[in-house]
Amino acid sequence: MDYVAMVGLLFVPLICLLCAAWFFVRWQNEREDEEKALHNKKICKRFLIATIVAAIVFGGLKIIFPFN
């Protein structure tokens, strides 16, 4: 379980941030369709929240199961 916590703490927030950056760029570049821009903004915010939640969850697992 300590390996899962370590790998999760390293990669899950990073992947969530990359996805948030992807949708941020899509949100900023959408000029013609306001509905698509708002949809991309909503997804971007969800990925940012998921980043924080993942960091807290895997950080807690890292504290519970220390890497020896």
PDB file of N, CA and C in Angstrom:
ATOM      1  N   MET A   1       0.823  -1.192   0.000  1.00  0.00           N
ATOM      2  CA  MET A   1       0.000   0.000   0.000  1.00  0.00           C
ATOM      3  C   MET A   1       0.868   1.256   0.000  1.00  0.00           C
ATOM      4  N   ASP A   2       2.081   1.154   0.555  1.00  0.00           N
ATOM      5  CA  ASP A   2       2.957   2.322   0.563  1.00  0.00           C
ATOM      6  C   ASP A   2       3.397   2.715  -0.842  1.00  0.00           C
ATOM      7  N   TYR A   3       3.548   1.734  -1.718  1.00  0.00           N
ATOM      8  CA  TYR A   3       3.905   2.045  -3.110  1.00  0.00           C
ATOM      9  C   TYR A   3       2.746   2.733  -3.845  1.00  0.00           C
ATOM     10  N   VAL A   4       1.529   2.287  -3.564  1.00  0.00           N
ATOM     11  CA  VAL A   4       0.354   2.924  -4.168  1.00  0.00           C
ATOM     12  C   VAL A   4       0.267   4.379  -3.725  1.00  0.00           C
ATOM     13  N   ALA A   5       0.501   4.631  -2.446  1.00  0.00           N
ATOM     14  CA  ALA A   5       0.456   5.998  -1.933  1.00  0.00           C
ATOM     15  C   ALA A   5       1.541   6.861  -2.571  1.00  0.00           C
ATOM     16  N   MET A   6       2.733   6.298  -2.722  1.00  0.00           N
ATOM     17  CA  MET A   6       3.840   7.067  -3.296  1.00  0.00           C
ATOM     18  C   MET A   6       3.591   7.375  -4.773  1.00  0.00           C
ATOM     19  N   VAL A   7       3.208   6.374  -5.535  1.00  0.00           N
ATOM     20  CA  VAL A   7       2.948   6.578  -6.964  1.00  0.00           C
ATOM     21  C   VAL A   7       1.745   7.506  -7.156  1.00  0.00           C
ATOM     22  N   GLY A   8       0.707   7.314  -6.370  1.00  0.00           N
ATOM     23  CA  GLY A   8      -0.461   8.186  -6.468  1.00  0.00           C
ATOM     24  C   GLY A   8      -0.141   9.624  -6.122  1.00  0.00           C
ATOM     25  N   LEU A   9       0.670   9.826  -5.097  1.00  0.00           N
ATOM     26  CA  LEU A   9       1.035  11.178  -4.692  1.00  0.00           C
ATOM     27  C   LEU A   9       1.888  11.863  -5.751  1.00  0.00           C
ATOM     28  N   LEU A  10       2.682  11.086  -6.473  1.00  0.00           N
ATOM     29  CA  LEU A  10       3.531  11.677  -7.506  1.00  0.00           C
ATOM     30  C   LEU A  10       2.791  11.950  -8.808  1.00  0.00           C
ATOM     31  N   PHE A  11       1.934  11.025  -9.234  1.00  0.00           N
ATOM     32  CA  PHE A  11       1.409  11.108 -10.592  1.00  0.00           C
ATOM     33  C   PHE A  11      -0.039  11.585 -10.715  1.00  0.00           C
ATOM     34  N   VAL A  12      -0.905  11.260  -9.790  1.00  0.00           N
ATOM     35  CA  VAL A  12      -2.316  11.628  -9.944  1.00  0.00           C
ATOM     36  C   VAL A  12      -2.510  13.147  -9.945  1.00  0.00           C
ATOM     37  N   PRO A  13      -1.932  13.904  -9.007  1.00  0.00           N
ATOM     38  CA  PRO A  13      -2.093  15.365  -9.101  1.00  0.00           C
ATOM     39  C   PRO A  13      -1.450  15.947 -10.365  1.00  0.00           C
ATOM     40  N   LEU A  14      -0.353  15.362 -10.809  1.00  0.00           N
ATOM     41  CA  LEU A  14       0.289  15.836 -12.023  1.00  0.00           C
ATOM     42  C   LEU A  14      -0.603  15.630 -13.243  1.00  0.00           C
ATOM     43  N   ILE A  15      -1.215  14.476 -13.340  1.00  0.00           N
ATOM     44  CA  ILE A  15      -2.120  14.193 -14.458  1.00  0.00           C
ATOM     45  C   ILE A  15      -3.349  15.103 -14.401  1.00  0.00           C
ATOM     46  N   CYS A  16      -3.875  15.326 -13.202  1.00  0.00           N
ATOM     47  CA  CYS A  16      -5.023  16.236 -13.066  1.00  0.00           C
ATOM     48  C   CYS A  16      -4.655  17.663 -13.468  1.00  0.00           C
ATOM     49  N   LEU A  17      -3.454  18.112 -13.107  1.00  0.00           N
ATOM     50  CA  LEU A  17      -3.029  19.448 -13.507  1.00  0.00           C
ATOM     51  C   LEU A  17      -2.839  19.559 -15.014  1.00  0.00           C
ATOM     52  N   LEU A  18      -2.325  18.508 -15.638  1.00  0.00           N
ATOM     53  CA  LEU A  18      -2.174  18.519 -17.094  1.00  0.00           C
ATOM     54  C   LEU A  18      -3.535  18.587 -17.786  1.00  0.00           C
ATOM     55  N   CYS A  19      -4.507  17.848 -17.270  1.00  0.00           N
ATOM     56  CA  CYS A  19      -5.855  17.902 -17.843  1.00  0.00           C
ATOM     57  C   CYS A  19      -6.484  19.268 -17.624  1.00  0.00           C
ATOM     58  N   ALA A  20      -6.277  19.853 -16.444  1.00  0.00           N
ATOM     59  CA  ALA A  20      -6.808  21.195 -16.183  1.00  0.00           C
ATOM     60  C   ALA A  20      -6.171  22.215 -17.127  1.00  0.00           C
ATOM     61  N   ALA A  21      -4.883  22.078 -17.373  1.00  0.00           N
ATOM     62  CA  ALA A  21      -4.212  22.987 -18.305  1.00  0.00           C
ATOM     63  C   ALA A  21      -4.765  22.815 -19.717  1.00  0.00           C
ATOM     64  N   TRP A  22      -5.030  21.576 -20.110  1.00  0.00           N
ATOM     65  CA  TRP A  22      -5.596  21.314 -21.442  1.00  0.00           C
ATOM     66  C   TRP A  22      -6.940  22.021 -21.607  1.00  0.00           C
ATOM     67  N   PHE A  23      -7.826  21.886 -20.621  1.00  0.00           N
ATOM     68  CA  PHE A  23      -9.138  22.508 -20.726  1.00  0.00           C
ATOM     69  C   PHE A  23      -9.073  24.019 -20.525  1.00  0.00           C
ATOM     70  N   PHE A  24      -8.077  24.510 -19.795  1.00  0.00           N
ATOM     71  CA  PHE A  24      -7.888  25.956 -19.671  1.00  0.00           C
ATOM     72  C   PHE A  24      -7.534  26.566 -21.022  1.00  0.00           C
ATOM     73  N   VAL A  25      -6.638  25.900 -21.738  1.00  0.00           N
ATOM     74  CA  VAL A  25      -6.258  26.389 -23.067  1.00  0.00           C
ATOM     75  C   VAL A  25      -7.456  26.339 -24.014  1.00  0.00           C
ATOM     76  N   ARG A  26      -8.221  25.263 -23.956  1.00  0.00           N
ATOM     77  CA  ARG A  26      -9.414  25.161 -24.798  1.00  0.00           C
ATOM     78  C   ARG A  26     -10.424  26.250 -24.444  1.00  0.00           C
ATOM     79  N   TRP A  27     -10.561  26.538 -23.146  1.00  0.00           N
ATOM     80  CA  TRP A  27     -11.487  27.573 -22.684  1.00  0.00           C
ATOM     81  C   TRP A  27     -11.051  28.947 -23.194  1.00  0.00           C
ATOM     82  N   GLN A  28      -9.758  29.234 -23.118  1.00  0.00           N
ATOM     83  CA  GLN A  28      -9.267  30.548 -23.528  1.00  0.00           C
ATOM     84  C   GLN A  28      -9.279  30.729 -25.046  1.00  0.00           C
ATOM     85  N   ASN A  29      -9.173  29.641 -25.799  1.00  0.00           N
ATOM     86  CA  ASN A  29      -9.118  29.751 -27.259  1.00  0.00           C
ATOM     87  C   ASN A  29     -10.481  29.665 -27.926  1.00  0.00           C
ATOM     88  N   GLU A  30     -11.516  29.354 -27.180  1.00  0.00           N
ATOM     89  CA  GLU A  30     -12.854  29.253 -27.769  1.00  0.00           C
ATOM     90  C   GLU A  30     -13.456  30.650 -27.857  1.00  0.00           C
ATOM     91  N   ARG A  31     -13.553  31.170 -29.058  1.00  0.00           N
ATOM     92  CA  ARG A  31     -14.046  32.523 -29.256  1.00  0.00           C
ATOM     93  C   ARG A  31     -15.457  32.552 -29.844  1.00  0.00           C
ATOM     94  N   GLU A  32     -15.811  31.560 -30.616  1.00  0.00           N
ATOM     95  CA  GLU A  32     -17.076  31.617 -31.343  1.00  0.00           C
ATOM     96  C   GLU A  32     -18.257  31.053 -30.565  1.00  0.00           C
ATOM     97  N   ASP A  33     -18.033  29.991 -29.815  1.00  0.00           N
ATOM     98  CA  ASP A  33     -19.137  29.318 -29.144  1.00  0.00           C
ATOM     99  C   ASP A  33     -19.007  29.504 -27.630  1.00  0.00           C
ATOM    100  N   GLU A  34     -19.839  30.355 -27.081  1.00  0.00           N
ATOM    101  CA  GLU A  34     -19.786  30.660 -25.647  1.00  0.00           C
ATOM    102  C   GLU A  34     -20.162  29.452 -24.803  1.00  0.00           C
ATOM    103  N   GLU A  35     -21.063  28.608 -25.305  1.00  0.00           N
ATOM    104  CA  GLU A  35     -21.487  27.421 -24.562  1.00  0.00           C
ATOM    105  C   GLU A  35     -20.327  26.433 -24.390  1.00  0.00           C
ATOM    106  N   LYS A  36     -19.536  26.242 -25.429  1.00  0.00           N
ATOM    107  CA  LYS A  36     -18.363  25.368 -25.326  1.00  0.00           C
ATOM    108  C   LYS A  36     -17.334  25.955 -24.370  1.00  0.00           C
ATOM    109  N   ALA A  37     -17.176  27.274 -24.403  1.00  0.00           N
ATOM    110  CA  ALA A  37     -16.214  27.924 -23.512  1.00  0.00           C
ATOM    111  C   ALA A  37     -16.616  27.726 -22.051  1.00  0.00           C
ATOM    112  N   LEU A  38     -17.898  27.878 -21.747  1.00  0.00           N
ATOM    113  CA  LEU A  38     -18.348  27.676 -20.371  1.00  0.00           C
ATOM    114  C   LEU A  38     -18.209  26.217 -19.948  1.00  0.00           C
ATOM    115  N   HIS A  39     -18.456  25.298 -20.879  1.00  0.00           N
ATOM    116  CA  HIS A  39     -18.304  23.872 -20.579  1.00  0.00           C
ATOM    117  C   HIS A  39     -16.839  23.542 -20.272  1.00  0.00           C
ATOM    118  N   ASN A  40     -15.911  24.080 -21.050  1.00  0.00           N
ATOM    119  CA  ASN A  40     -14.490  23.847 -20.807  1.00  0.00           C
ATOM    120  C   ASN A  40     -14.032  24.495 -19.505  1.00  0.00           C
ATOM    121  N   LYS A  41     -14.605  25.645 -19.170  1.00  0.00           N
ATOM    122  CA  LYS A  41     -14.271  26.307 -17.903  1.00  0.00           C
ATOM    123  C   LYS A  41     -14.717  25.453 -16.725  1.00  0.00           C
ATOM    124  N   LYS A  42     -15.907  24.862 -16.833  1.00  0.00           N
ATOM    125  CA  LYS A  42     -16.420  24.006 -15.771  1.00  0.00           C
ATOM    126  C   LYS A  42     -15.537  22.766 -15.594  1.00  0.00           C
ATOM    127  N   ILE A  43     -15.130  22.162 -16.687  1.00  0.00           N
ATOM    128  CA  ILE A  43     -14.269  20.978 -16.613  1.00  0.00           C
ATOM    129  C   ILE A  43     -12.910  21.342 -16.024  1.00  0.00           C
ATOM    130  N   CYS A  44     -12.381  22.496 -16.405  1.00  0.00           N
ATOM    131  CA  CYS A  44     -11.098  22.953 -15.863  1.00  0.00           C
ATOM    132  C   CYS A  44     -11.173  23.105 -14.343  1.00  0.00           C
ATOM    133  N   LYS A  45     -12.232  23.718 -13.857  1.00  0.00           N
ATOM    134  CA  LYS A  45     -12.396  23.890 -12.412  1.00  0.00           C
ATOM    135  C   LYS A  45     -12.544  22.547 -11.701  1.00  0.00           C
ATOM    136  N   ARG A  46     -13.243  21.605 -12.331  1.00  0.00           N
ATOM    137  CA  ARG A  46     -13.388  20.276 -11.736  1.00  0.00           C
ATOM    138  C   ARG A  46     -12.044  19.571 -11.620  1.00  0.00           C
ATOM    139  N   PHE A  47     -11.202  19.690 -12.638  1.00  0.00           N
ATOM    140  CA  PHE A  47      -9.885  19.063 -12.567  1.00  0.00           C
ATOM    141  C   PHE A  47      -9.005  19.727 -11.517  1.00  0.00           C
ATOM    142  N   LEU A  48      -9.134  21.037 -11.328  1.00  0.00           N
ATOM    143  CA  LEU A  48      -8.367  21.697 -10.274  1.00  0.00           C
ATOM    144  C   LEU A  48      -8.812  21.221  -8.888  1.00  0.00           C
ATOM    145  N   ILE A  49     -10.105  21.045  -8.707  1.00  0.00           N
ATOM    146  CA  ILE A  49     -10.612  20.511  -7.439  1.00  0.00           C
ATOM    147  C   ILE A  49     -10.155  19.069  -7.258  1.00  0.00           C
ATOM    148  N   ALA A  50     -10.177  18.272  -8.339  1.00  0.00           N
ATOM    149  CA  ALA A  50      -9.720  16.889  -8.271  1.00  0.00           C
ATOM    150  C   ALA A  50      -8.241  16.814  -7.916  1.00  0.00           C
ATOM    151  N   THR A  51      -7.454  17.789  -8.358  1.00  0.00           N
ATOM    152  CA  THR A  51      -6.033  17.831  -8.013  1.00  0.00           C
ATOM    153  C   THR A  51      -5.844  18.000  -6.517  1.00  0.00           C
ATOM    154  N   ILE A  52      -6.590  18.907  -5.943  1.00  0.00           N
ATOM    155  CA  ILE A  52      -6.480  19.147  -4.503  1.00  0.00           C
ATOM    156  C   ILE A  52      -6.939  17.927  -3.713  1.00  0.00           C
ATOM    157  N   VAL A  53      -8.056  17.349  -4.119  1.00  0.00           N
ATOM    158  CA  VAL A  53      -8.581  16.167  -3.423  1.00  0.00           C
ATOM    159  C   VAL A  53      -7.602  15.002  -3.529  1.00  0.00           C
ATOM    160  N   ALA A  54      -7.046  14.780  -4.710  1.00  0.00           N
ATOM    161  CA  ALA A  54      -6.098  13.673  -4.900  1.00  0.00           C
ATOM    162  C   ALA A  54      -4.848  13.880  -4.057  1.00  0.00           C
ATOM    163  N   ALA A  55      -4.355  15.102  -4.000  1.00  0.00           N
ATOM    164  CA  ALA A  55      -3.177  15.376  -3.182  1.00  0.00           C
ATOM    165  C   ALA A  55      -3.456  15.118  -1.704  1.00  0.00           C
ATOM    166  N   ILE A  56      -4.631  15.494  -1.235  1.00  0.00           N
ATOM    167  CA  ILE A  56      -4.987  15.265   0.169  1.00  0.00           C
ATOM    168  C   ILE A  56      -5.146  13.774   0.456  1.00  0.00           C
ATOM    169  N   VAL A  57      -5.852  13.061  -0.438  1.00  0.00           N
ATOM    170  CA  VAL A  57      -6.094  11.629  -0.226  1.00  0.00           C
ATOM    171  C   VAL A  57      -4.789  10.851  -0.250  1.00  0.00           C
ATOM    172  N   PHE A  58      -3.977  11.049  -1.282  1.00  0.00           N
ATOM    173  CA  PHE A  58      -2.734  10.295  -1.369  1.00  0.00           C
ATOM    174  C   PHE A  58      -1.703  10.771  -0.354  1.00  0.00           C
ATOM    175  N   GLY A  59      -1.762  12.032   0.024  1.00  0.00           N
ATOM    176  CA  GLY A  59      -0.901  12.505   1.116  1.00  0.00           C
ATOM    177  C   GLY A  59      -1.273  11.852   2.431  1.00  0.00           C
ATOM    178  N   GLY A  60      -2.576  11.696   2.677  1.00  0.00           N
ATOM    179  CA  GLY A  60      -3.013  10.987   3.876  1.00  0.00           C
ATOM    180  C   GLY A  60      -2.600   9.525   3.855  1.00  0.00           C
ATOM    181  N   LEU A  61      -2.714   8.891   2.707  1.00  0.00           N
ATOM    182  CA  LEU A  61      -2.242   7.511   2.603  1.00  0.00           C
ATOM    183  C   LEU A  61      -0.746   7.420   2.820  1.00  0.00           C
ATOM    184  N   LYS A  62      -0.013   8.416   2.346  1.00  0.00           N
ATOM    185  CA  LYS A  62       1.443   8.437   2.539  1.00  0.00           C
ATOM    186  C   LYS A  62       1.799   8.565   4.009  1.00  0.00           C
ATOM    187  N   ILE A  63       0.992   9.328   4.749  1.00  0.00           N
ATOM    188  CA  ILE A  63       1.251   9.476   6.184  1.00  0.00           C
ATOM    189  C   ILE A  63       0.884   8.188   6.917  1.00  0.00           C
ATOM    190  N   ILE A  64      -0.218   7.561   6.527  1.00  0.00           N
ATOM    191  CA  ILE A  64      -0.651   6.331   7.183  1.00  0.00           C
ATOM    192  C   ILE A  64       0.309   5.171   6.885  1.00  0.00           C
ATOM    193  N   PHE A  65       0.738   5.077   5.613  1.00  0.00           N
ATOM    194  CA  PHE A  65       1.637   4.006   5.181  1.00  0.00           C
ATOM    195  C   PHE A  65       2.967   4.602   4.761  1.00  0.00           C
ATOM    196  N   PRO A  66       3.869   4.836   5.716  1.00  0.00           N
ATOM    197  CA  PRO A  66       5.150   5.473   5.357  1.00  0.00           C
ATOM    198  C   PRO A  66       6.025   4.537   4.511  1.00  0.00           C
ATOM    199  N   PHE A  67       6.807   5.152   3.655  1.00  0.00           N
ATOM    200  CA  PHE A  67       7.712   4.414   2.763  1.00  0.00           C
ATOM    201  C   PHE A  67       9.003   4.147   3.513  1.00  0.00           C
ATOM    202  N   ASN A  68       9.337   2.900   3.678  1.00  0.00           N
ATOM    203  CA  ASN A  68      10.571   2.567   4.444  1.00  0.00           C
ATOM    204  C   ASN A  68      11.705   2.256   3.555  1.00  0.00           C
TER     205      ASN A  68
END
